[in-house]
Amino acid sequence: MRIVLGSDHAGFRLKQVLAEHLTASGHVITDVGTFSEEPVDYPVFCAAAARVVVGGDADMGVVLGGSGQGEAISANKVHGVRAALCHDETTARLARNHNDANVLALGARFVAAELATTILDVFVTATFEGGRHVPRLAEIATIESEECAGEFEE
């Protein structure tokens, strides 16, 4: 599988651990940065990773930061991304099974490397169940299209 990784400085070390794990598992990795623990702003790196997924150059993405919250929010601003912040195996599995999430967000200050690796493995191997979830994703896509087109009026 082709997986793109993006992080800020707080997620850098965990990103390195996950990249090594994914490579050892036979996945092809694209790293869009950051490339050190020097302080940076996360939105640019998370959006870059999300754009690689939406552009078709990766099958899924992983964005990492201190909490994972801002990283998920930033990735979700990219049209076509369904980023999910996951803290355990269950949320990772459900994000894929029910929401067809294509980007995993992790908080390096909240999830240790061993658990993050397990969460990542679950996210990578889980599949979308379809069925009753398809209409819900269509509703989300409609909202996204309306917002991107500026059709929503308050």
C-alpha atoms as a PDB file:
ATOM      1  CA  MET A   1       0.000   0.000   0.000  1.00  0.00           C
ATOM      2  CA  ARG A   2       1.153   3.583  -0.679  1.00  0.00           C
ATOM      3  CA  ILE A   3       1.001   5.701   2.474  1.00  0.00           C
ATOM      4  CA  VAL A   4       1.868   9.365   2.872  1.00  0.00           C
ATOM      5  CA  LEU A   5       3.071  10.739   6.205  1.00  0.00           C
ATOM      6  CA  GLY A   6       3.040  14.322   7.418  1.00  0.00           C
ATOM      7  CA  SER A   7       3.763  15.810  10.815  1.00  0.00           C
ATOM      8  CA  ASP A   8       4.786  18.846  12.744  1.00  0.00           C
ATOM      9  CA  HIS A   9       7.764  18.921  15.101  1.00  0.00           C
ATOM     10  CA  ALA A  10       5.802  17.294  17.942  1.00  0.00           C
ATOM     11  CA  GLY A  11       4.913  14.323  15.754  1.00  0.00           C
ATOM     12  CA  PHE A  12       8.308  14.008  14.068  1.00  0.00           C
ATOM     13  CA  ARG A  13       9.776  11.224  16.236  1.00  0.00           C
ATOM     14  CA  LEU A  14       6.614   9.130  16.119  1.00  0.00           C
ATOM     15  CA  LYS A  15       6.424   9.657  12.361  1.00  0.00           C
ATOM     16  CA  GLN A  16       9.930   8.211  12.049  1.00  0.00           C
ATOM     17  CA  VAL A  17       8.934   5.137  14.074  1.00  0.00           C
ATOM     18  CA  LEU A  18       5.797   4.590  11.987  1.00  0.00           C
ATOM     19  CA  ALA A  19       7.656   5.113   8.706  1.00  0.00           C
ATOM     20  CA  GLU A  20      10.170   2.450   9.678  1.00  0.00           C
ATOM     21  CA  HIS A  21       7.380   0.072  10.700  1.00  0.00           C
ATOM     22  CA  LEU A  22       5.427   0.636   7.482  1.00  0.00           C
ATOM     23  CA  THR A  23       8.507   0.187   5.304  1.00  0.00           C
ATOM     24  CA  ALA A  24       9.391  -3.046   7.114  1.00  0.00           C
ATOM     25  CA  SER A  25       5.816  -4.216   6.483  1.00  0.00           C
ATOM     26  CA  GLY A  26       6.263  -3.698   2.733  1.00  0.00           C
ATOM     27  CA  HIS A  27       4.396  -0.415   2.290  1.00  0.00           C
ATOM     28  CA  VAL A  28       5.661   2.408   0.084  1.00  0.00           C
ATOM     29  CA  ILE A  29       6.074   5.608   2.077  1.00  0.00           C
ATOM     30  CA  THR A  30       6.000   9.238   0.987  1.00  0.00           C
ATOM     31  CA  ASP A  31       7.101  11.691   3.663  1.00  0.00           C
ATOM     32  CA  VAL A  32       5.984  15.286   3.110  1.00  0.00           C
ATOM     33  CA  GLY A  33       7.693  16.575   6.256  1.00  0.00           C
ATOM     34  CA  THR A  34       8.561  18.019   8.570  1.00  0.00           C
ATOM     35  CA  PHE A  35      12.029  16.573   8.744  1.00  0.00           C
ATOM     36  CA  SER A  36      13.207  17.627  12.214  1.00  0.00           C
ATOM     37  CA  GLU A  37      12.034  18.664  15.650  1.00  0.00           C
ATOM     38  CA  GLU A  38      12.525  22.331  14.763  1.00  0.00           C
ATOM     39  CA  PRO A  39       9.197  24.093  15.498  1.00  0.00           C
ATOM     40  CA  VAL A  40       6.888  24.424  12.481  1.00  0.00           C
ATOM     41  CA  ASP A  41       3.205  25.031  11.890  1.00  0.00           C
ATOM     42  CA  TYR A  42       1.315  21.780  11.272  1.00  0.00           C
ATOM     43  CA  PRO A  43      -1.395  22.874   8.789  1.00  0.00           C
ATOM     44  CA  VAL A  44       0.881  23.001   5.761  1.00  0.00           C
ATOM     45  CA  PHE A  45       2.245  19.480   6.329  1.00  0.00           C
ATOM     46  CA  CYS A  46      -1.148  17.945   7.054  1.00  0.00           C
ATOM     47  CA  ALA A  47      -2.748  19.569   4.020  1.00  0.00           C
ATOM     48  CA  ALA A  48       0.181  18.398   1.892  1.00  0.00           C
ATOM     49  CA  ALA A  49      -0.330  14.805   3.035  1.00  0.00           C
ATOM     50  CA  ALA A  50      -4.080  15.057   2.442  1.00  0.00           C
ATOM     51  CA  ARG A  51      -3.535  16.403  -1.075  1.00  0.00           C
ATOM     52  CA  VAL A  52      -1.303  13.435  -1.911  1.00  0.00           C
ATOM     53  CA  VAL A  53      -4.141  11.077  -0.915  1.00  0.00           C
ATOM     54  CA  VAL A  54      -6.807  12.994  -2.834  1.00  0.00           C
ATOM     55  CA  GLY A  55      -4.479  13.295  -5.825  1.00  0.00           C
ATOM     56  CA  GLY A  56      -4.219   9.517  -6.003  1.00  0.00           C
ATOM     57  CA  ASP A  57      -0.510   9.265  -5.271  1.00  0.00           C
ATOM     58  CA  ALA A  58      -1.177   7.492  -1.947  1.00  0.00           C
ATOM     59  CA  ASP A  59      -3.853   5.062  -0.839  1.00  0.00           C
ATOM     60  CA  MET A  60      -4.075   6.645   2.603  1.00  0.00           C
ATOM     61  CA  GLY A  61      -2.340   9.133   4.826  1.00  0.00           C
ATOM     62  CA  VAL A  62      -1.168   9.583   8.385  1.00  0.00           C
ATOM     63  CA  VAL A  63      -0.826  12.997  10.011  1.00  0.00           C
ATOM     64  CA  LEU A  64       0.816  13.470  13.382  1.00  0.00           C
ATOM     65  CA  GLY A  65       1.243  16.244  15.891  1.00  0.00           C
ATOM     66  CA  GLY A  66       1.097  16.843  19.594  1.00  0.00           C
ATOM     67  CA  SER A  67      -2.593  16.118  20.036  1.00  0.00           C
ATOM     68  CA  GLY A  68      -3.643  15.115  16.538  1.00  0.00           C
ATOM     69  CA  GLN A  69      -6.637  17.466  16.740  1.00  0.00           C
ATOM     70  CA  GLY A  70      -5.325  20.305  14.603  1.00  0.00           C
ATOM     71  CA  GLU A  71      -3.754  17.800  12.256  1.00  0.00           C
ATOM     72  CA  ALA A  72      -7.116  16.103  11.627  1.00  0.00           C
ATOM     73  CA  ILE A  73      -8.842  19.466  11.206  1.00  0.00           C
ATOM     74  CA  SER A  74      -6.221  20.636   8.704  1.00  0.00           C
ATOM     75  CA  ALA A  75      -6.366  17.421   6.680  1.00  0.00           C
ATOM     76  CA  ASN A  76     -10.169  17.548   6.647  1.00  0.00           C
ATOM     77  CA  LYS A  77     -10.084  20.955   4.965  1.00  0.00           C
ATOM     78  CA  VAL A  78      -8.880  19.214   1.800  1.00  0.00           C
ATOM     79  CA  HIS A  79     -11.849  18.266  -0.399  1.00  0.00           C
ATOM     80  CA  GLY A  80     -12.229  14.482  -0.426  1.00  0.00           C
ATOM     81  CA  VAL A  81     -10.392  13.731   2.800  1.00  0.00           C
ATOM     82  CA  ARG A  82     -12.000  11.910   5.700  1.00  0.00           C
ATOM     83  CA  ALA A  83      -9.412  12.206   8.466  1.00  0.00           C
ATOM     84  CA  ALA A  84     -10.057  10.483  11.778  1.00  0.00           C
ATOM     85  CA  LEU A  85      -8.311  11.147  15.081  1.00  0.00           C
ATOM     86  CA  CYS A  86      -7.825   7.753  16.698  1.00  0.00           C
ATOM     87  CA  HIS A  87      -6.617   6.922  20.190  1.00  0.00           C
ATOM     88  CA  ASP A  88      -7.142   3.170  20.219  1.00  0.00           C
ATOM     89  CA  GLU A  89      -7.776   0.138  18.022  1.00  0.00           C
ATOM     90  CA  THR A  90     -11.563   0.485  18.177  1.00  0.00           C
ATOM     91  CA  THR A  91     -11.660   4.056  16.913  1.00  0.00           C
ATOM     92  CA  ALA A  92      -9.218   3.126  14.133  1.00  0.00           C
ATOM     93  CA  ARG A  93     -11.294   0.138  13.052  1.00  0.00           C
ATOM     94  CA  LEU A  94     -14.577   2.070  13.137  1.00  0.00           C
ATOM     95  CA  ALA A  95     -13.050   5.009  11.262  1.00  0.00           C
ATOM     96  CA  ARG A  96     -12.308   2.657   8.373  1.00  0.00           C
ATOM     97  CA  ASN A  97     -15.337   0.311   8.691  1.00  0.00           C
ATOM     98  CA  HIS A  98     -18.021   2.972   9.060  1.00  0.00           C
ATOM     99  CA  ASN A  99     -16.507   6.216   7.761  1.00  0.00           C
ATOM    100  CA  ASP A 100     -14.129   4.966   5.046  1.00  0.00           C
ATOM    101  CA  ALA A 101     -11.512   7.263   6.578  1.00  0.00           C
ATOM    102  CA  ASN A 102      -8.544   7.806   4.281  1.00  0.00           C
ATOM    103  CA  VAL A 103      -6.305   9.736   6.685  1.00  0.00           C
ATOM    104  CA  LEU A 104      -5.364   8.704  10.219  1.00  0.00           C
ATOM    105  CA  ALA A 105      -4.509  11.441  12.725  1.00  0.00           C
ATOM    106  CA  LEU A 106      -2.458  10.611  15.801  1.00  0.00           C
ATOM    107  CA  GLY A 107      -1.370  12.664  18.808  1.00  0.00           C
ATOM    108  CA  ALA A 108       2.234  11.879  19.684  1.00  0.00           C
ATOM    109  CA  ARG A 109       1.821  13.373  23.163  1.00  0.00           C
ATOM    110  CA  PHE A 110      -1.091  11.052  23.934  1.00  0.00           C
ATOM    111  CA  VAL A 111      -0.328   7.780  22.153  1.00  0.00           C
ATOM    112  CA  ALA A 112       2.907   5.893  22.809  1.00  0.00           C
ATOM    113  CA  ALA A 113       4.821   4.430  19.872  1.00  0.00           C
ATOM    114  CA  GLU A 114       3.765   0.822  20.534  1.00  0.00           C
ATOM    115  CA  LEU A 115       0.065   1.708  20.671  1.00  0.00           C
ATOM    116  CA  ALA A 116       0.407   4.054  17.689  1.00  0.00           C
ATOM    117  CA  THR A 117       1.882   1.191  15.660  1.00  0.00           C
ATOM    118  CA  THR A 118      -1.029  -1.051  16.619  1.00  0.00           C
ATOM    119  CA  ILE A 119      -3.564   1.666  15.772  1.00  0.00           C
ATOM    120  CA  LEU A 120      -1.845   2.196  12.421  1.00  0.00           C
ATOM    121  CA  ASP A 121      -1.889  -1.530  11.612  1.00  0.00           C
ATOM    122  CA  VAL A 122      -5.613  -1.705  12.384  1.00  0.00           C
ATOM    123  CA  PHE A 123      -6.301   1.386  10.271  1.00  0.00           C
ATOM    124  CA  VAL A 124      -4.304   0.029   7.325  1.00  0.00           C
ATOM    125  CA  THR A 125      -5.904  -3.426   7.352  1.00  0.00           C
ATOM    126  CA  ALA A 126      -9.512  -2.522   8.143  1.00  0.00           C
ATOM    127  CA  THR A 127     -11.906  -2.055   5.241  1.00  0.00           C
ATOM    128  CA  PHE A 128     -15.040  -0.070   4.584  1.00  0.00           C
ATOM    129  CA  GLU A 129     -18.197  -2.095   5.298  1.00  0.00           C
ATOM    130  CA  GLY A 130     -20.392  -0.209   2.841  1.00  0.00           C
ATOM    131  CA  GLY A 131     -24.082  -0.984   3.337  1.00  0.00           C
ATOM    132  CA  ARG A 132     -25.869   1.401   5.676  1.00  0.00           C
ATOM    133  CA  HIS A 133     -22.787   3.651   5.773  1.00  0.00           C
ATOM    134  CA  VAL A 134     -22.832   4.508   2.063  1.00  0.00           C
ATOM    135  CA  PRO A 135     -25.750   6.986   2.236  1.00  0.00           C
ATOM    136  CA  ARG A 136     -24.134   8.717   5.215  1.00  0.00           C
ATOM    137  CA  LEU A 137     -20.888   9.214   3.332  1.00  0.00           C
ATOM    138  CA  ALA A 138     -22.889  10.545   0.401  1.00  0.00           C
ATOM    139  CA  GLU A 139     -24.489  13.068   2.759  1.00  0.00           C
ATOM    140  CA  ILE A 140     -21.062  14.138   3.987  1.00  0.00           C
ATOM    141  CA  ALA A 141     -19.854  14.480   0.393  1.00  0.00           C
ATOM    142  CA  THR A 142     -22.879  16.627  -0.438  1.00  0.00           C
ATOM    143  CA  ILE A 143     -22.168  18.949   2.485  1.00  0.00           C
ATOM    144  CA  GLU A 144     -18.539  19.162   1.443  1.00  0.00           C
ATOM    145  CA  SER A 145     -19.468  19.979  -2.162  1.00  0.00           C
ATOM    146  CA  GLU A 146     -21.937  22.635  -1.043  1.00  0.00           C
ATOM    147  CA  GLU A 147     -19.350  24.260   1.186  1.00  0.00           C
ATOM    148  CA  CYS A 148     -16.659  24.166  -1.486  1.00  0.00           C
ATOM    149  CA  ALA A 149     -19.057  25.692  -4.006  1.00  0.00           C
ATOM    150  CA  GLY A 150     -20.165  28.380  -1.582  1.00  0.00           C
ATOM    151  CA  GLU A 151     -23.803  27.310  -1.883  1.00  0.00           C
ATOM    152  CA  PHE A 152     -24.496  27.209   1.839  1.00  0.00           C
ATOM    153  CA  GLU A 153     -26.269  30.301   3.104  1.00  0.00           C
ATOM    154  CA  GLU A 154     -26.691  31.162   6.768  1.00  0.00           C
END
